Amino acid sequence: MPELARARKVANYFDTLGAFVKVGVIDPGLAVDLWGDHIMRAFEAFAPLIANARVAYRSPAIWENFEYLAVLCEDFDKAHPGANYPSGVRRAPMPELWPQVRSRSQ
């Protein structure tokens, strides 16, 4: 399916990242901390493609390292609800919100 070439590139990227994490080239905590939100959003968007590709190609292993990475991120989020900023460390002062953003947050 040539129309899915771009999607495959993205899924392959996250699958490769997951393989690096799985074999210890990249620390799992570091990967989740740096890219967790992106990984989870991407996996949610790609889950239908992954599920269908696994059936269509009769290969349950398609993009399994991407799935592995998403599961690590889900587990991390459950263990650190809200955020994972180190406790006891002060936060930097933030400037006033832009009017467009402020109106959305109310």
PDB file of N, CA and C in Angstrom:
ATOM      1  N   MET A   1       0.831  -1.181   0.000  1.00  0.00           N
ATOM      2  CA  MET A   1       0.000   0.000   0.000  1.00  0.00           C
ATOM      3  C   MET A   1       0.881   1.252   0.000  1.00  0.00           C
ATOM      4  N   PRO A   2       1.130   1.801  -1.152  1.00  0.00           N
ATOM      5  CA  PRO A   2       2.021   2.965  -1.240  1.00  0.00           C
ATOM      6  C   PRO A   2       1.498   4.194  -0.509  1.00  0.00           C
ATOM      7  N   GLU A   3       0.184   4.322  -0.378  1.00  0.00           N
ATOM      8  CA  GLU A   3      -0.365   5.494   0.310  1.00  0.00           C
ATOM      9  C   GLU A   3      -0.033   5.505   1.801  1.00  0.00           C
ATOM     10  N   LEU A   4       0.420   4.396   2.308  1.00  0.00           N
ATOM     11  CA  LEU A   4       0.773   4.315   3.726  1.00  0.00           C
ATOM     12  C   LEU A   4       2.274   4.445   3.969  1.00  0.00           C
ATOM     13  N   ALA A   5       3.029   4.828   2.965  1.00  0.00           N
ATOM     14  CA  ALA A   5       4.492   4.897   3.089  1.00  0.00           C
ATOM     15  C   ALA A   5       4.928   5.831   4.211  1.00  0.00           C
ATOM     16  N   ARG A   6       4.309   6.989   4.317  1.00  0.00           N
ATOM     17  CA  ARG A   6       4.686   7.934   5.379  1.00  0.00           C
ATOM     18  C   ARG A   6       4.337   7.378   6.754  1.00  0.00           C
ATOM     19  N   ALA A   7       3.179   6.757   6.854  1.00  0.00           N
ATOM     20  CA  ALA A   7       2.771   6.170   8.134  1.00  0.00           C
ATOM     21  C   ALA A   7       3.743   5.067   8.542  1.00  0.00           C
ATOM     22  N   ARG A   8       4.152   4.257   7.585  1.00  0.00           N
ATOM     23  CA  ARG A   8       5.112   3.189   7.894  1.00  0.00           C
ATOM     24  C   ARG A   8       6.433   3.759   8.389  1.00  0.00           C
ATOM     25  N   LYS A   9       6.876   4.871   7.814  1.00  0.00           N
ATOM     26  CA  LYS A   9       8.128   5.487   8.268  1.00  0.00           C
ATOM     27  C   LYS A   9       8.034   5.907   9.728  1.00  0.00           C
ATOM     28  N   VAL A  10       6.923   6.498  10.098  1.00  0.00           N
ATOM     29  CA  VAL A  10       6.744   6.930  11.492  1.00  0.00           C
ATOM     30  C   VAL A  10       6.670   5.719  12.414  1.00  0.00           C
ATOM     31  N   ALA A  11       5.871   4.728  12.042  1.00  0.00           N
ATOM     32  CA  ALA A  11       5.758   3.522  12.868  1.00  0.00           C
ATOM     33  C   ALA A  11       7.106   2.812  12.975  1.00  0.00           C
ATOM     34  N   ASN A  12       7.853   2.766  11.887  1.00  0.00           N
ATOM     35  CA  ASN A  12       9.179   2.142  11.916  1.00  0.00           C
ATOM     36  C   ASN A  12      10.132   2.902  12.836  1.00  0.00           C
ATOM     37  N   TYR A  13      10.026   4.228  12.838  1.00  0.00           N
ATOM     38  CA  TYR A  13      10.858   5.043  13.732  1.00  0.00           C
ATOM     39  C   TYR A  13      10.612   4.648  15.187  1.00  0.00           C
ATOM     40  N   PHE A  14       9.341   4.610  15.593  1.00  0.00           N
ATOM     41  CA  PHE A  14       9.030   4.267  16.977  1.00  0.00           C
ATOM     42  C   PHE A  14       9.348   2.802  17.270  1.00  0.00           C
ATOM     43  N   ASP A  15       9.221   1.934  16.279  1.00  0.00           N
ATOM     44  CA  ASP A  15       9.572   0.533  16.465  1.00  0.00           C
ATOM     45  C   ASP A  15      11.071   0.387  16.707  1.00  0.00           C
ATOM     46  N   THR A  16      11.873   1.139  15.968  1.00  0.00           N
ATOM     47  CA  THR A  16      13.324   1.121  16.163  1.00  0.00           C
ATOM     48  C   THR A  16      13.690   1.674  17.533  1.00  0.00           C
ATOM     49  N   LEU A  17      13.059   2.766  17.916  1.00  0.00           N
ATOM     50  CA  LEU A  17      13.294   3.335  19.244  1.00  0.00           C
ATOM     51  C   LEU A  17      12.957   2.303  20.321  1.00  0.00           C
ATOM     52  N   GLY A  18      11.842   1.606  20.157  1.00  0.00           N
ATOM     53  CA  GLY A  18      11.453   0.566  21.107  1.00  0.00           C
ATOM     54  C   GLY A  18      12.462  -0.567  21.170  1.00  0.00           C
ATOM     55  N   ALA A  19      13.022  -0.948  20.032  1.00  0.00           N
ATOM     56  CA  ALA A  19      14.043  -2.001  20.016  1.00  0.00           C
ATOM     57  C   ALA A  19      15.289  -1.550  20.765  1.00  0.00           C
ATOM     58  N   PHE A  20      15.698  -0.301  20.560  1.00  0.00           N
ATOM     59  CA  PHE A  20      16.864   0.226  21.285  1.00  0.00           C
ATOM     60  C   PHE A  20      16.628   0.217  22.791  1.00  0.00           C
ATOM     61  N   VAL A  21      15.415   0.547  23.196  1.00  0.00           N
ATOM     62  CA  VAL A  21      15.083   0.524  24.623  1.00  0.00           C
ATOM     63  C   VAL A  21      15.092  -0.917  25.128  1.00  0.00           C
ATOM     64  N   LYS A  22      14.491  -1.813  24.369  1.00  0.00           N
ATOM     65  CA  LYS A  22      14.366  -3.212  24.790  1.00  0.00           C
ATOM     66  C   LYS A  22      15.717  -3.878  25.013  1.00  0.00           C
ATOM     67  N   VAL A  23      16.696  -3.571  24.158  1.00  0.00           N
ATOM     68  CA  VAL A  23      18.004  -4.221  24.294  1.00  0.00           C
ATOM     69  C   VAL A  23      18.991  -3.419  25.139  1.00  0.00           C
ATOM     70  N   GLY A  24      18.554  -2.282  25.664  1.00  0.00           N
ATOM     71  CA  GLY A  24      19.389  -1.526  26.587  1.00  0.00           C
ATOM     72  C   GLY A  24      20.280  -0.463  25.978  1.00  0.00           C
ATOM     73  N   VAL A  25      20.144  -0.184  24.691  1.00  0.00           N
ATOM     74  CA  VAL A  25      20.934   0.880  24.074  1.00  0.00           C
ATOM     75  C   VAL A  25      20.487   2.238  24.609  1.00  0.00           C
ATOM     76  N   ILE A  26      19.178   2.381  24.801  1.00  0.00           N
ATOM     77  CA  ILE A  26      18.599   3.601  25.375  1.00  0.00           C
ATOM     78  C   ILE A  26      17.915   3.223  26.676  1.00  0.00           C
ATOM     79  N   ASP A  27      18.183   3.977  27.727  1.00  0.00           N
ATOM     80  CA  ASP A  27      17.566   3.735  29.027  1.00  0.00           C
ATOM     81  C   ASP A  27      16.050   3.919  28.925  1.00  0.00           C
ATOM     82  N   PRO A  28      15.261   2.949  29.413  1.00  0.00           N
ATOM     83  CA  PRO A  28      13.806   3.075  29.329  1.00  0.00           C
ATOM     84  C   PRO A  28      13.267   4.334  30.010  1.00  0.00           C
ATOM     85  N   GLY A  29      13.795   4.650  31.185  1.00  0.00           N
ATOM     86  CA  GLY A  29      13.335   5.841  31.897  1.00  0.00           C
ATOM     87  C   GLY A  29      13.600   7.113  31.124  1.00  0.00           C
ATOM     88  N   LEU A  30      14.753   7.169  30.479  1.00  0.00           N
ATOM     89  CA  LEU A  30      15.096   8.343  29.680  1.00  0.00           C
ATOM     90  C   LEU A  30      14.168   8.465  28.472  1.00  0.00           C
ATOM     91  N   ALA A  31      13.928   7.359  27.787  1.00  0.00           N
ATOM     92  CA  ALA A  31      13.048   7.378  26.613  1.00  0.00           C
ATOM     93  C   ALA A  31      11.641   7.815  26.989  1.00  0.00           C
ATOM     94  N   VAL A  32      11.128   7.269  28.065  1.00  0.00           N
ATOM     95  CA  VAL A  32       9.773   7.611  28.498  1.00  0.00           C
ATOM     96  C   VAL A  32       9.699   9.063  28.945  1.00  0.00           C
ATOM     97  N   ASP A  33      10.707   9.519  29.660  1.00  0.00           N
ATOM     98  CA  ASP A  33      10.712  10.900  30.141  1.00  0.00           C
ATOM     99  C   ASP A  33      10.784  11.896  28.985  1.00  0.00           C
ATOM    100  N   LEU A  34      11.636  11.623  28.004  1.00  0.00           N
ATOM    101  CA  LEU A  34      11.819  12.552  26.890  1.00  0.00           C
ATOM    102  C   LEU A  34      10.706  12.484  25.843  1.00  0.00           C
ATOM    103  N   TRP A  35      10.271  11.278  25.521  1.00  0.00           N
ATOM    104  CA  TRP A  35       9.382  11.103  24.374  1.00  0.00           C
ATOM    105  C   TRP A  35       8.044  10.459  24.708  1.00  0.00           C
ATOM    106  N   GLY A  36       7.763  10.241  25.979  1.00  0.00           N
ATOM    107  CA  GLY A  36       6.562   9.504  26.374  1.00  0.00           C
ATOM    108  C   GLY A  36       5.264  10.027  25.794  1.00  0.00           C
ATOM    109  N   ASP A  37       5.045  11.327  25.884  1.00  0.00           N
ATOM    110  CA  ASP A  37       3.798  11.891  25.351  1.00  0.00           C
ATOM    111  C   ASP A  37       3.684  11.662  23.848  1.00  0.00           C
ATOM    112  N   HIS A  38       4.781  11.848  23.133  1.00  0.00           N
ATOM    113  CA  HIS A  38       4.765  11.637  21.679  1.00  0.00           C
ATOM    114  C   HIS A  38       4.510  10.170  21.346  1.00  0.00           C
ATOM    115  N   ILE A  39       5.142   9.295  22.100  1.00  0.00           N
ATOM    116  CA  ILE A  39       4.984   7.858  21.867  1.00  0.00           C
ATOM    117  C   ILE A  39       3.537   7.447  22.078  1.00  0.00           C
ATOM    118  N   MET A  40       2.953   7.899  23.184  1.00  0.00           N
ATOM    119  CA  MET A  40       1.578   7.495  23.489  1.00  0.00           C
ATOM    120  C   MET A  40       0.583   8.047  22.468  1.00  0.00           C
ATOM    121  N   ARG A  41       0.748   9.317  22.080  1.00  0.00           N
ATOM    122  CA  ARG A  41      -0.159   9.893  21.075  1.00  0.00           C
ATOM    123  C   ARG A  41      -0.007   9.183  19.733  1.00  0.00           C
ATOM    124  N   ALA A  42       1.224   8.896  19.374  1.00  0.00           N
ATOM    125  CA  ALA A  42       1.456   8.209  18.100  1.00  0.00           C
ATOM    126  C   ALA A  42       0.876   6.800  18.135  1.00  0.00           C
ATOM    127  N   PHE A  43       1.089   6.085  19.232  1.00  0.00           N
ATOM    128  CA  PHE A  43       0.577   4.717  19.295  1.00  0.00           C
ATOM    129  C   PHE A  43      -0.947   4.700  19.242  1.00  0.00           C
ATOM    130  N   GLU A  44      -1.568   5.630  19.929  1.00  0.00           N
ATOM    131  CA  GLU A  44      -3.035   5.714  19.888  1.00  0.00           C
ATOM    132  C   GLU A  44      -3.514   5.937  18.450  1.00  0.00           C
ATOM    133  N   ALA A  45      -2.838   6.810  17.734  1.00  0.00           N
ATOM    134  CA  ALA A  45      -3.216   7.091  16.344  1.00  0.00           C
ATOM    135  C   ALA A  45      -2.926   5.904  15.425  1.00  0.00           C
ATOM    136  N   PHE A  46      -1.849   5.171  15.706  1.00  0.00           N
ATOM    137  CA  PHE A  46      -1.428   4.084  14.827  1.00  0.00           C
ATOM    138  C   PHE A  46      -2.020   2.727  15.198  1.00  0.00           C
ATOM    139  N   ALA A  47      -2.646   2.596  16.349  1.00  0.00           N
ATOM    140  CA  ALA A  47      -3.159   1.299  16.798  1.00  0.00           C
ATOM    141  C   ALA A  47      -4.062   0.624  15.759  1.00  0.00           C
ATOM    142  N   PRO A  48      -4.992   1.348  15.118  1.00  0.00           N
ATOM    143  CA  PRO A  48      -5.806   0.674  14.096  1.00  0.00           C
ATOM    144  C   PRO A  48      -4.966   0.137  12.927  1.00  0.00           C
ATOM    145  N   LEU A  49      -3.997   0.902  12.482  1.00  0.00           N
ATOM    146  CA  LEU A  49      -3.122   0.445  11.398  1.00  0.00           C
ATOM    147  C   LEU A  49      -2.333  -0.784  11.841  1.00  0.00           C
ATOM    148  N   ILE A  50      -1.811  -0.751  13.048  1.00  0.00           N
ATOM    149  CA  ILE A  50      -1.021  -1.870  13.559  1.00  0.00           C
ATOM    150  C   ILE A  50      -1.874  -3.129  13.647  1.00  0.00           C
ATOM    151  N   ALA A  51      -3.065  -3.001  14.230  1.00  0.00           N
ATOM    152  CA  ALA A  51      -3.948  -4.162  14.380  1.00  0.00           C
ATOM    153  C   ALA A  51      -4.293  -4.771  13.022  1.00  0.00           C
ATOM    154  N   ASN A  52      -4.627  -3.926  12.062  1.00  0.00           N
ATOM    155  CA  ASN A  52      -4.993  -4.422  10.734  1.00  0.00           C
ATOM    156  C   ASN A  52      -3.804  -4.995   9.979  1.00  0.00           C
ATOM    157  N   ALA A  53      -2.651  -4.376  10.099  1.00  0.00           N
ATOM    158  CA  ALA A  53      -1.454  -4.891   9.430  1.00  0.00           C
ATOM    159  C   ALA A  53      -1.078  -6.266   9.974  1.00  0.00           C
ATOM    160  N   ARG A  54      -1.220  -6.446  11.280  1.00  0.00           N
ATOM    161  CA  ARG A  54      -0.883  -7.743  11.878  1.00  0.00           C
ATOM    162  C   ARG A  54      -1.764  -8.855  11.326  1.00  0.00           C
ATOM    163  N   VAL A  55      -3.041  -8.555  11.134  1.00  0.00           N
ATOM    164  CA  VAL A  55      -3.956  -9.557  10.579  1.00  0.00           C
ATOM    165  C   VAL A  55      -3.717  -9.726   9.079  1.00  0.00           C
ATOM    166  N   ALA A  56      -3.624  -8.619   8.354  1.00  0.00           N
ATOM    167  CA  ALA A  56      -3.460  -8.683   6.899  1.00  0.00           C
ATOM    168  C   ALA A  56      -2.197  -9.436   6.491  1.00  0.00           C
ATOM    169  N   TYR A  57      -1.119  -9.243   7.245  1.00  0.00           N
ATOM    170  CA  TYR A  57       0.151  -9.890   6.912  1.00  0.00           C
ATOM    171  C   TYR A  57       0.415 -11.140   7.749  1.00  0.00           C
ATOM    172  N   ARG A  58      -0.576 -11.525   8.542  1.00  0.00           N
ATOM    173  CA  ARG A  58      -0.469 -12.715   9.403  1.00  0.00           C
ATOM    174  C   ARG A  58       0.821 -12.696  10.220  1.00  0.00           C
ATOM    175  N   SER A  59       1.074 -11.541  10.824  1.00  0.00           N
ATOM    176  CA  SER A  59       2.300 -11.380  11.609  1.00  0.00           C
ATOM    177  C   SER A  59       2.016 -10.561  12.867  1.00  0.00           C
ATOM    178  N   PRO A  60       1.830 -11.232  13.996  1.00  0.00           N
ATOM    179  CA  PRO A  60       1.548 -10.501  15.235  1.00  0.00           C
ATOM    180  C   PRO A  60       2.738  -9.683  15.742  1.00  0.00           C
ATOM    181  N   ALA A  61       3.894  -9.843  15.108  1.00  0.00           N
ATOM    182  CA  ALA A  61       5.090  -9.128  15.565  1.00  0.00           C
ATOM    183  C   ALA A  61       5.272  -7.765  14.897  1.00  0.00           C
ATOM    184  N   ILE A  62       4.408  -7.413  13.939  1.00  0.00           N
ATOM    185  CA  ILE A  62       4.571  -6.129  13.253  1.00  0.00           C
ATOM    186  C   ILE A  62       4.502  -4.996  14.271  1.00  0.00           C
ATOM    187  N   TRP A  63       5.523  -4.181  14.287  1.00  0.00           N
ATOM    188  CA  TRP A  63       5.641  -3.004  15.145  1.00  0.00           C
ATOM    189  C   TRP A  63       5.465  -3.330  16.638  1.00  0.00           C
ATOM    190  N   GLU A  64       5.922  -4.517  17.038  1.00  0.00           N
ATOM    191  CA  GLU A  64       5.755  -4.888  18.446  1.00  0.00           C
ATOM    192  C   GLU A  64       6.664  -4.084  19.375  1.00  0.00           C
ATOM    193  N   ASN A  65       7.792  -3.603  18.886  1.00  0.00           N
ATOM    194  CA  ASN A  65       8.644  -2.767  19.738  1.00  0.00           C
ATOM    195  C   ASN A  65       8.022  -1.393  19.969  1.00  0.00           C
ATOM    196  N   PHE A  66       7.256  -0.917  19.016  1.00  0.00           N
ATOM    197  CA  PHE A  66       6.474   0.307  19.175  1.00  0.00           C
ATOM    198  C   PHE A  66       5.429   0.079  20.270  1.00  0.00           C
ATOM    199  N   GLU A  67       4.752  -1.064  20.208  1.00  0.00           N
ATOM    200  CA  GLU A  67       3.764  -1.418  21.237  1.00  0.00           C
ATOM    201  C   GLU A  67       4.424  -1.514  22.610  1.00  0.00           C
ATOM    202  N   TYR A  68       5.578  -2.170  22.667  1.00  0.00           N
ATOM    203  CA  TYR A  68       6.327  -2.309  23.924  1.00  0.00           C
ATOM    204  C   TYR A  68       6.619  -0.939  24.528  1.00  0.00           C
ATOM    205  N   LEU A  69       7.058  -0.019  23.701  1.00  0.00           N
ATOM    206  CA  LEU A  69       7.364   1.337  24.149  1.00  0.00           C
ATOM    207  C   LEU A  69       6.111   2.039  24.670  1.00  0.00           C
ATOM    208  N   ALA A  70       4.994   1.876  23.981  1.00  0.00           N
ATOM    209  CA  ALA A  70       3.735   2.489  24.422  1.00  0.00           C
ATOM    210  C   ALA A  70       3.299   1.933  25.774  1.00  0.00           C
ATOM    211  N   VAL A  71       3.476   0.639  25.979  1.00  0.00           N
ATOM    212  CA  VAL A  71       3.114   0.024  27.262  1.00  0.00           C
ATOM    213  C   VAL A  71       4.004   0.562  28.381  1.00  0.00           C
ATOM    214  N   LEU A  72       5.298   0.720  28.115  1.00  0.00           N
ATOM    215  CA  LEU A  72       6.185   1.320  29.116  1.00  0.00           C
ATOM    216  C   LEU A  72       5.712   2.719  29.489  1.00  0.00           C
ATOM    217  N   CYS A  73       5.297   3.481  28.494  1.00  0.00           N
ATOM    218  CA  CYS A  73       4.819   4.848  28.741  1.00  0.00           C
ATOM    219  C   CYS A  73       3.535   4.848  29.558  1.00  0.00           C
ATOM    220  N   GLU A  74       2.614   3.952  29.239  1.00  0.00           N
ATOM    221  CA  GLU A  74       1.368   3.849  30.006  1.00  0.00           C
ATOM    222  C   GLU A  74       1.670   3.510  31.460  1.00  0.00           C
ATOM    223  N   ASP A  75       2.552   2.546  31.674  1.00  0.00           N
ATOM    224  CA  ASP A  75       2.912   2.149  33.039  1.00  0.00           C
ATOM    225  C   ASP A  75       3.572   3.297  33.792  1.00  0.00           C
ATOM    226  N   PHE A  76       4.426   4.047  33.107  1.00  0.00           N
ATOM    227  CA  PHE A  76       5.091   5.192  33.723  1.00  0.00           C
ATOM    228  C   PHE A  76       4.069   6.247  34.127  1.00  0.00           C
ATOM    229  N   ASP A  77       3.112   6.527  33.244  1.00  0.00           N
ATOM    230  CA  ASP A  77       2.085   7.523  33.553  1.00  0.00           C
ATOM    231  C   ASP A  77       1.239   7.110  34.751  1.00  0.00           C
ATOM    232  N   LYS A  78       0.934   5.828  34.860  1.00  0.00           N
ATOM    233  CA  LYS A  78       0.163   5.339  36.011  1.00  0.00           C
ATOM    234  C   LYS A  78       0.959   5.499  37.301  1.00  0.00           C
ATOM    235  N   ALA A  79       2.261   5.295  37.228  1.00  0.00           N
ATOM    236  CA  ALA A  79       3.117   5.412  38.415  1.00  0.00           C
ATOM    237  C   ALA A  79       3.416   6.860  38.779  1.00  0.00           C
ATOM    238  N   HIS A  80       3.279   7.774  37.822  1.00  0.00           N
ATOM    239  CA  HIS A  80       3.584   9.196  38.041  1.00  0.00           C
ATOM    240  C   HIS A  80       2.436  10.063  37.528  1.00  0.00           C
ATOM    241  N   PRO A  81       1.272   9.999  38.176  1.00  0.00           N
ATOM    242  CA  PRO A  81       0.130  10.772  37.674  1.00  0.00           C
ATOM    243  C   PRO A  81       0.403  12.275  37.713  1.00  0.00           C
ATOM    244  N   GLY A  82      -0.013  12.943  36.667  1.00  0.00           N
ATOM    245  CA  GLY A  82       0.147  14.397  36.619  1.00  0.00           C
ATOM    246  C   GLY A  82       1.441  14.832  35.981  1.00  0.00           C
ATOM    247  N   ALA A  83       2.535  14.499  36.593  1.00  0.00           N
ATOM    248  CA  ALA A  83       3.851  14.914  36.085  1.00  0.00           C
ATOM    249  C   ALA A  83       4.928  14.144  36.829  1.00  0.00           C
ATOM    250  N   ASN A  84       6.150  14.266  36.376  1.00  0.00           N
ATOM    251  CA  ASN A  84       7.239  13.587  37.086  1.00  0.00           C
ATOM    252  C   ASN A  84       8.356  14.549  37.450  1.00  0.00           C
ATOM    253  N   TYR A  85       8.002  15.816  37.599  1.00  0.00           N
ATOM    254  CA  TYR A  85       8.983  16.813  38.034  1.00  0.00           C
ATOM    255  C   TYR A  85       9.475  16.401  39.418  1.00  0.00           C
ATOM    256  N   PRO A  86      10.771  16.467  39.672  1.00  0.00           N
ATOM    257  CA  PRO A  86      11.297  16.005  40.964  1.00  0.00           C
ATOM    258  C   PRO A  86      10.663  16.743  42.149  1.00  0.00           C
ATOM    259  N   SER A  87      10.182  15.978  43.114  1.00  0.00           N
ATOM    260  CA  SER A  87       9.577  16.598  44.294  1.00  0.00           C
ATOM    261  C   SER A  87      10.650  17.317  45.096  1.00  0.00           C
ATOM    262  N   GLY A  88      10.268  18.411  45.702  1.00  0.00           N
ATOM    263  CA  GLY A  88      11.192  19.179  46.521  1.00  0.00           C
ATOM    264  C   GLY A  88      12.041  20.171  45.745  1.00  0.00           C
ATOM    265  N   VAL A  89      11.923  20.179  44.428  1.00  0.00           N
ATOM    266  CA  VAL A  89      12.686  21.121  43.608  1.00  0.00           C
ATOM    267  C   VAL A  89      11.741  22.249  43.208  1.00  0.00           C
ATOM    268  N   ARG A  90      12.178  23.482  43.449  1.00  0.00           N
ATOM    269  CA  ARG A  90      11.295  24.605  43.128  1.00  0.00           C
ATOM    270  C   ARG A  90      11.069  24.690  41.626  1.00  0.00           C
ATOM    271  N   ARG A  91       9.935  25.248  41.251  1.00  0.00           N
ATOM    272  CA  ARG A  91       9.618  25.461  39.843  1.00  0.00           C
ATOM    273  C   ARG A  91      10.059  26.856  39.438  1.00  0.00           C
ATOM    274  N   ALA A  92      10.430  27.029  38.200  1.00  0.00           N
ATOM    275  CA  ALA A  92      10.807  28.338  37.673  1.00  0.00           C
ATOM    276  C   ALA A  92       9.554  29.200  37.554  1.00  0.00           C
ATOM    277  N   PRO A  93       9.677  30.487  37.838  1.00  0.00           N
ATOM    278  CA  PRO A  93       8.510  31.352  37.666  1.00  0.00           C
ATOM    279  C   PRO A  93       8.134  31.441  36.184  1.00  0.00           C
ATOM    280  N   MET A  94       6.851  31.443  35.933  1.00  0.00           N
ATOM    281  CA  MET A  94       6.349  31.511  34.563  1.00  0.00           C
ATOM    282  C   MET A  94       5.726  32.878  34.316  1.00  0.00           C
ATOM    283  N   PRO A  95       5.892  33.410  33.112  1.00  0.00           N
ATOM    284  CA  PRO A  95       5.287  34.705  32.785  1.00  0.00           C
ATOM    285  C   PRO A  95       3.769  34.574  32.661  1.00  0.00           C
ATOM    286  N   GLU A  96       3.118  35.700  32.563  1.00  0.00           N
ATOM    287  CA  GLU A  96       1.666  35.720  32.405  1.00  0.00           C
ATOM    288  C   GLU A  96       1.287  35.019  31.098  1.00  0.00           C
ATOM    289  N   LEU A  97       0.158  34.329  31.117  1.00  0.00           N
ATOM    290  CA  LEU A  97      -0.307  33.626  29.923  1.00  0.00           C
ATOM    291  C   LEU A  97      -0.748  34.602  28.848  1.00  0.00           C
ATOM    292  N   TRP A  98      -0.608  34.186  27.612  1.00  0.00           N
ATOM    293  CA  TRP A  98      -1.121  34.972  26.495  1.00  0.00           C
ATOM    294  C   TRP A  98      -2.644  35.002  26.595  1.00  0.00           C
ATOM    295  N   PRO A  99      -3.283  36.056  26.158  1.00  0.00           N
ATOM    296  CA  PRO A  99      -4.746  36.155  26.265  1.00  0.00           C
ATOM    297  C   PRO A  99      -5.488  34.981  25.610  1.00  0.00           C
ATOM    298  N   GLN A 100      -5.017  34.519  24.447  1.00  0.00           N
ATOM    299  CA  GLN A 100      -5.681  33.409  23.757  1.00  0.00           C
ATOM    300  C   GLN A 100      -5.636  32.133  24.588  1.00  0.00           C
ATOM    301  N   VAL A 101      -4.521  31.917  25.240  1.00  0.00           N
ATOM    302  CA  VAL A 101      -4.364  30.712  26.056  1.00  0.00           C
ATOM    303  C   VAL A 101      -5.144  30.861  27.353  1.00  0.00           C
ATOM    304  N   ARG A 102      -5.066  32.018  27.956  1.00  0.00           N
ATOM    305  CA  ARG A 102      -5.771  32.273  29.214  1.00  0.00           C
ATOM    306  C   ARG A 102      -7.270  32.031  29.042  1.00  0.00           C
ATOM    307  N   SER A 103      -7.850  32.483  27.939  1.00  0.00           N
ATOM    308  CA  SER A 103      -9.292  32.312  27.729  1.00  0.00           C
ATOM    309  C   SER A 103      -9.665  30.836  27.570  1.00  0.00           C
ATOM    310  N   ARG A 104      -8.769  30.022  27.040  1.00  0.00           N
ATOM    311  CA  ARG A 104      -9.033  28.586  26.901  1.00  0.00           C
ATOM    312  C   ARG A 104      -8.919  27.846  28.223  1.00  0.00           C
ATOM    313  N   SER A 105      -8.128  28.365  29.138  1.00  0.00           N
ATOM    314  CA  SER A 105      -7.893  27.658  30.401  1.00  0.00           C
ATOM    315  C   SER A 105      -8.960  27.957  31.447  1.00  0.00           C
ATOM    316  N   GLN A 106      -9.876  28.863  31.146  1.00  0.00           N
ATOM    317  CA  GLN A 106     -10.907  29.227  32.141  1.00  0.00           C
ATOM    318  C   GLN A 106     -12.188  28.482  31.929  1.00  0.00           C
TER     319      GLN A 106
END
